[in-house]
Amino acid sequence: MKSRIAHRLASFSGMASVLWLGILFADAHAATYPVDDSASQVLTPNLKMQWESVAPSQGIGNRVIGQLVVLVRLQLAPWRDRNARVFMTLPARAEGAITATWTTRGFLQSGSLRSGERALIYAGRIAADRLEDTLALTLTADGTRLERAERLEFRFSIEVDE
């Protein structure tokens, strides 16, 4: 029995290596570019973070939550009629992580990410010069680490198949 398990693990390990090489090969043929989102508009501009707990105490209930709606307009004309993946990024922050969760109304995928990460929001053929969708975002953070009003700058990038 032990030899069967070892053989299956070795088999799986070989398959994992092939899959890993396939991932590396796929990434080697994709070029990444920043996406112009300057036409995007925050529809609820004055985000106010609220304590999740009515009576936060040390270490318990320190999360703050805020919601906003953003009309995302991505200029994709340079990549029209090509297969691509579009990502949304929230840069890392020294003050601690912020988690963003969103739902969409159209072309973009719903999802979530933490500051310092990127998330896939679209995959497929770029059929128009501009991709537009509304995101309902919920932001959460450790309220004990937020000291002042801050500006969050989500960024967008595109990986285009070569």
C-alpha atoms as a PDB file:
ATOM      1  CA  MET A   1       0.000   0.000   0.000  1.00  0.00           C
ATOM      2  CA  LYS A   2       2.820   2.373   0.891  1.00  0.00           C
ATOM      3  CA  SER A   3       4.452   1.893  -2.521  1.00  0.00           C
ATOM      4  CA  ARG A   4       1.144   2.660  -4.287  1.00  0.00           C
ATOM      5  CA  ILE A   5       0.823   5.927  -2.379  1.00  0.00           C
ATOM      6  CA  ALA A   6       4.447   6.842  -3.127  1.00  0.00           C
ATOM      7  CA  HIS A   7       3.894   6.025  -6.823  1.00  0.00           C
ATOM      8  CA  ARG A   8       0.732   8.181  -6.945  1.00  0.00           C
ATOM      9  CA  LEU A   9       2.508  11.067  -5.229  1.00  0.00           C
ATOM     10  CA  ALA A  10       5.388  10.795  -7.694  1.00  0.00           C
ATOM     11  CA  SER A  11       2.838  10.743 -10.522  1.00  0.00           C
ATOM     12  CA  PHE A  12       1.084  13.796  -9.126  1.00  0.00           C
ATOM     13  CA  SER A  13       4.430  15.555  -8.654  1.00  0.00           C
ATOM     14  CA  GLY A  14       5.275  14.967 -12.328  1.00  0.00           C
ATOM     15  CA  MET A  15       1.886  16.314 -13.408  1.00  0.00           C
ATOM     16  CA  ALA A  16       2.326  19.346 -11.149  1.00  0.00           C
ATOM     17  CA  SER A  17       5.682  20.046 -12.804  1.00  0.00           C
ATOM     18  CA  VAL A  18       4.066  19.910 -16.241  1.00  0.00           C
ATOM     19  CA  LEU A  19       1.268  22.226 -15.059  1.00  0.00           C
ATOM     20  CA  TRP A  20       3.818  24.611 -13.516  1.00  0.00           C
ATOM     21  CA  LEU A  21       5.790  24.710 -16.772  1.00  0.00           C
ATOM     22  CA  GLY A  22       2.525  25.375 -18.624  1.00  0.00           C
ATOM     23  CA  ILE A  23       1.796  28.321 -16.340  1.00  0.00           C
ATOM     24  CA  LEU A  24       5.310  29.707 -16.806  1.00  0.00           C
ATOM     25  CA  PHE A  25       5.015  29.256 -20.572  1.00  0.00           C
ATOM     26  CA  ALA A  26       1.634  31.045 -20.650  1.00  0.00           C
ATOM     27  CA  ASP A  27       2.989  33.944 -18.594  1.00  0.00           C
ATOM     28  CA  ALA A  28       6.008  34.237 -20.862  1.00  0.00           C
ATOM     29  CA  HIS A  29       3.695  35.072 -23.779  1.00  0.00           C
ATOM     30  CA  ALA A  30       1.663  37.803 -22.095  1.00  0.00           C
ATOM     31  CA  ALA A  31       2.678  41.449 -21.985  1.00  0.00           C
ATOM     32  CA  THR A  32       1.371  43.657 -19.144  1.00  0.00           C
ATOM     33  CA  TYR A  33       0.397  47.306 -19.596  1.00  0.00           C
ATOM     34  CA  PRO A  34      -1.204  49.967 -17.368  1.00  0.00           C
ATOM     35  CA  VAL A  35      -4.802  50.842 -18.263  1.00  0.00           C
ATOM     36  CA  ASP A  36      -6.096  54.423 -18.402  1.00  0.00           C
ATOM     37  CA  ASP A  37      -9.036  54.728 -15.999  1.00  0.00           C
ATOM     38  CA  SER A  38      -9.030  58.529 -15.781  1.00  0.00           C
ATOM     39  CA  ALA A  39     -12.645  58.686 -17.013  1.00  0.00           C
ATOM     40  CA  SER A  40     -13.815  56.631 -13.993  1.00  0.00           C
ATOM     41  CA  GLN A  41     -16.028  58.419 -11.501  1.00  0.00           C
ATOM     42  CA  VAL A  42     -16.696  57.846  -7.806  1.00  0.00           C
ATOM     43  CA  LEU A  43     -20.472  58.173  -7.467  1.00  0.00           C
ATOM     44  CA  THR A  44     -20.396  58.342  -3.644  1.00  0.00           C
ATOM     45  CA  PRO A  45     -17.377  60.620  -3.104  1.00  0.00           C
ATOM     46  CA  ASN A  46     -17.396  61.152   0.675  1.00  0.00           C
ATOM     47  CA  LEU A  47     -16.618  57.709   2.049  1.00  0.00           C
ATOM     48  CA  LYS A  48     -17.144  57.515   5.782  1.00  0.00           C
ATOM     49  CA  MET A  49     -15.768  54.488   7.573  1.00  0.00           C
ATOM     50  CA  GLN A  50     -17.945  53.233  10.434  1.00  0.00           C
ATOM     51  CA  TRP A  51     -16.962  50.982  13.332  1.00  0.00           C
ATOM     52  CA  GLU A  52     -18.236  47.455  12.790  1.00  0.00           C
ATOM     53  CA  SER A  53     -18.885  47.103  16.519  1.00  0.00           C
ATOM     54  CA  VAL A  54     -20.876  49.622  18.552  1.00  0.00           C
ATOM     55  CA  ALA A  55     -18.349  49.385  21.400  1.00  0.00           C
ATOM     56  CA  PRO A  56     -14.924  48.401  20.013  1.00  0.00           C
ATOM     57  CA  SER A  57     -12.366  47.329  22.592  1.00  0.00           C
ATOM     58  CA  GLN A  58      -8.709  46.364  22.478  1.00  0.00           C
ATOM     59  CA  GLY A  59      -8.280  43.600  19.931  1.00  0.00           C
ATOM     60  CA  ILE A  60     -12.010  42.965  19.499  1.00  0.00           C
ATOM     61  CA  GLY A  61     -14.301  44.706  17.041  1.00  0.00           C
ATOM     62  CA  ASN A  62     -11.656  47.074  15.681  1.00  0.00           C
ATOM     63  CA  ARG A  63     -12.757  46.790  12.073  1.00  0.00           C
ATOM     64  CA  VAL A  64     -14.169  49.766  10.253  1.00  0.00           C
ATOM     65  CA  ILE A  65     -16.346  49.415   7.166  1.00  0.00           C
ATOM     66  CA  GLY A  66     -17.271  51.800   4.386  1.00  0.00           C
ATOM     67  CA  GLN A  67     -19.159  51.512   1.117  1.00  0.00           C
ATOM     68  CA  LEU A  68     -18.932  53.410  -2.125  1.00  0.00           C
ATOM     69  CA  VAL A  69     -20.041  53.100  -5.724  1.00  0.00           C
ATOM     70  CA  VAL A  70     -17.636  53.673  -8.612  1.00  0.00           C
ATOM     71  CA  LEU A  71     -18.375  53.946 -12.313  1.00  0.00           C
ATOM     72  CA  VAL A  72     -15.280  52.313 -13.814  1.00  0.00           C
ATOM     73  CA  ARG A  73     -14.365  53.343 -17.352  1.00  0.00           C
ATOM     74  CA  LEU A  74     -11.328  51.574 -18.772  1.00  0.00           C
ATOM     75  CA  GLN A  75      -9.759  52.781 -22.025  1.00  0.00           C
ATOM     76  CA  LEU A  76      -8.876  49.598 -23.899  1.00  0.00           C
ATOM     77  CA  ALA A  77      -8.662  50.854 -27.498  1.00  0.00           C
ATOM     78  CA  PRO A  78      -5.007  49.845 -27.967  1.00  0.00           C
ATOM     79  CA  TRP A  79      -5.934  46.210 -27.276  1.00  0.00           C
ATOM     80  CA  ARG A  80      -9.216  45.984 -29.175  1.00  0.00           C
ATOM     81  CA  ASP A  81      -9.909  42.616 -30.849  1.00  0.00           C
ATOM     82  CA  ARG A  82      -7.252  40.856 -28.730  1.00  0.00           C
ATOM     83  CA  ASN A  83      -7.567  38.316 -25.940  1.00  0.00           C
ATOM     84  CA  ALA A  84      -6.580  39.739 -22.587  1.00  0.00           C
ATOM     85  CA  ARG A  85      -6.997  39.713 -18.821  1.00  0.00           C
ATOM     86  CA  VAL A  86      -7.699  42.919 -16.899  1.00  0.00           C
ATOM     87  CA  PHE A  87      -6.625  43.223 -13.263  1.00  0.00           C
ATOM     88  CA  MET A  88      -7.454  45.647 -10.475  1.00  0.00           C
ATOM     89  CA  THR A  89      -4.740  46.425  -7.910  1.00  0.00           C
ATOM     90  CA  LEU A  90      -4.746  48.203  -4.572  1.00  0.00           C
ATOM     91  CA  PRO A  91      -1.171  49.173  -3.640  1.00  0.00           C
ATOM     92  CA  ALA A  92       0.279  48.001  -0.316  1.00  0.00           C
ATOM     93  CA  ARG A  93      -0.014  50.422   2.595  1.00  0.00           C
ATOM     94  CA  ALA A  94       2.266  50.996   5.582  1.00  0.00           C
ATOM     95  CA  GLU A  95      -0.783  51.700   7.792  1.00  0.00           C
ATOM     96  CA  GLY A  96      -2.102  48.152   7.427  1.00  0.00           C
ATOM     97  CA  ALA A  97      -4.197  46.162   5.046  1.00  0.00           C
ATOM     98  CA  ILE A  98      -7.468  47.273   3.553  1.00  0.00           C
ATOM     99  CA  THR A  99      -9.777  44.657   2.086  1.00  0.00           C
ATOM    100  CA  ALA A 100     -11.971  45.593  -0.861  1.00  0.00           C
ATOM    101  CA  THR A 101     -14.931  43.432  -1.866  1.00  0.00           C
ATOM    102  CA  TRP A 102     -17.126  44.377  -4.806  1.00  0.00           C
ATOM    103  CA  THR A 103     -20.050  43.385  -6.917  1.00  0.00           C
ATOM    104  CA  THR A 104     -20.604  44.537 -10.480  1.00  0.00           C
ATOM    105  CA  ARG A 105     -23.522  45.132 -12.800  1.00  0.00           C
ATOM    106  CA  GLY A 106     -22.146  44.119 -16.160  1.00  0.00           C
ATOM    107  CA  PHE A 107     -18.924  43.059 -17.835  1.00  0.00           C
ATOM    108  CA  LEU A 108     -16.503  42.964 -14.913  1.00  0.00           C
ATOM    109  CA  GLN A 109     -16.208  40.096 -12.437  1.00  0.00           C
ATOM    110  CA  SER A 110     -17.158  40.520  -8.786  1.00  0.00           C
ATOM    111  CA  GLY A 111     -14.401  39.724  -6.316  1.00  0.00           C
ATOM    112  CA  SER A 112     -12.178  40.859  -3.494  1.00  0.00           C
ATOM    113  CA  LEU A 113      -8.573  41.765  -2.789  1.00  0.00           C
ATOM    114  CA  ARG A 114      -6.343  43.070   0.001  1.00  0.00           C
ATOM    115  CA  SER A 115      -3.990  46.005  -0.372  1.00  0.00           C
ATOM    116  CA  GLY A 116      -0.807  44.810  -2.040  1.00  0.00           C
ATOM    117  CA  GLU A 117      -2.688  42.295  -4.216  1.00  0.00           C
ATOM    118  CA  ARG A 118      -4.268  42.265  -7.644  1.00  0.00           C
ATOM    119  CA  ALA A 119      -7.477  40.584  -8.736  1.00  0.00           C
ATOM    120  CA  LEU A 120      -8.713  39.459 -12.133  1.00  0.00           C
ATOM    121  CA  ILE A 121     -11.778  41.483 -13.127  1.00  0.00           C
ATOM    122  CA  TYR A 122     -12.100  40.601 -16.824  1.00  0.00           C
ATOM    123  CA  ALA A 123     -10.854  37.833 -19.109  1.00  0.00           C
ATOM    124  CA  GLY A 124     -11.666  37.463 -22.778  1.00  0.00           C
ATOM    125  CA  ARG A 125     -11.675  39.288 -26.074  1.00  0.00           C
ATOM    126  CA  ILE A 126     -11.577  43.088 -25.941  1.00  0.00           C
ATOM    127  CA  ALA A 127     -14.579  43.953 -28.111  1.00  0.00           C
ATOM    128  CA  ALA A 128     -14.810  47.739 -27.610  1.00  0.00           C
ATOM    129  CA  ASP A 129     -12.560  50.741 -27.090  1.00  0.00           C
ATOM    130  CA  ARG A 130     -13.886  51.241 -23.577  1.00  0.00           C
ATOM    131  CA  LEU A 131     -15.072  48.831 -20.923  1.00  0.00           C
ATOM    132  CA  GLU A 132     -17.554  50.362 -18.492  1.00  0.00           C
ATOM    133  CA  ASP A 133     -19.180  48.918 -15.369  1.00  0.00           C
ATOM    134  CA  THR A 134     -20.433  49.987 -11.951  1.00  0.00           C
ATOM    135  CA  LEU A 135     -18.702  48.590  -8.870  1.00  0.00           C
ATOM    136  CA  ALA A 136     -20.354  48.582  -5.449  1.00  0.00           C
ATOM    137  CA  LEU A 137     -17.313  48.433  -3.155  1.00  0.00           C
ATOM    138  CA  THR A 138     -17.156  47.533   0.525  1.00  0.00           C
ATOM    139  CA  LEU A 139     -13.901  48.474   2.216  1.00  0.00           C
ATOM    140  CA  THR A 140     -12.776  47.091   5.566  1.00  0.00           C
ATOM    141  CA  ALA A 141      -9.709  47.955   7.644  1.00  0.00           C
ATOM    142  CA  ASP A 142      -8.327  47.838  11.168  1.00  0.00           C
ATOM    143  CA  GLY A 143      -9.660  51.081  12.652  1.00  0.00           C
ATOM    144  CA  THR A 144      -6.842  51.287  15.202  1.00  0.00           C
ATOM    145  CA  ARG A 145      -4.318  51.689  12.370  1.00  0.00           C
ATOM    146  CA  LEU A 146      -6.127  54.480  10.502  1.00  0.00           C
ATOM    147  CA  GLU A 147      -4.919  57.823  11.779  1.00  0.00           C
ATOM    148  CA  ARG A 148      -6.084  60.301   9.153  1.00  0.00           C
ATOM    149  CA  ALA A 149      -8.063  60.597   5.972  1.00  0.00           C
ATOM    150  CA  GLU A 150      -6.321  58.681   3.217  1.00  0.00           C
ATOM    151  CA  ARG A 151      -6.613  58.423  -0.516  1.00  0.00           C
ATOM    152  CA  LEU A 152      -7.033  54.964  -1.998  1.00  0.00           C
ATOM    153  CA  GLU A 153      -5.757  54.572  -5.519  1.00  0.00           C
ATOM    154  CA  PHE A 154      -6.961  51.470  -7.266  1.00  0.00           C
ATOM    155  CA  ARG A 155      -5.013  50.789 -10.430  1.00  0.00           C
ATOM    156  CA  PHE A 156      -5.795  48.716 -13.472  1.00  0.00           C
ATOM    157  CA  SER A 157      -3.536  46.721 -15.759  1.00  0.00           C
ATOM    158  CA  ILE A 158      -4.002  44.452 -18.730  1.00  0.00           C
ATOM    159  CA  GLU A 159      -2.152  41.319 -19.806  1.00  0.00           C
ATOM    160  CA  VAL A 160      -2.453  40.816 -23.530  1.00  0.00           C
ATOM    161  CA  ASP A 161      -1.788  37.497 -25.232  1.00  0.00           C
ATOM    162  CA  GLU A 162       1.026  37.900 -27.735  1.00  0.00           C
END
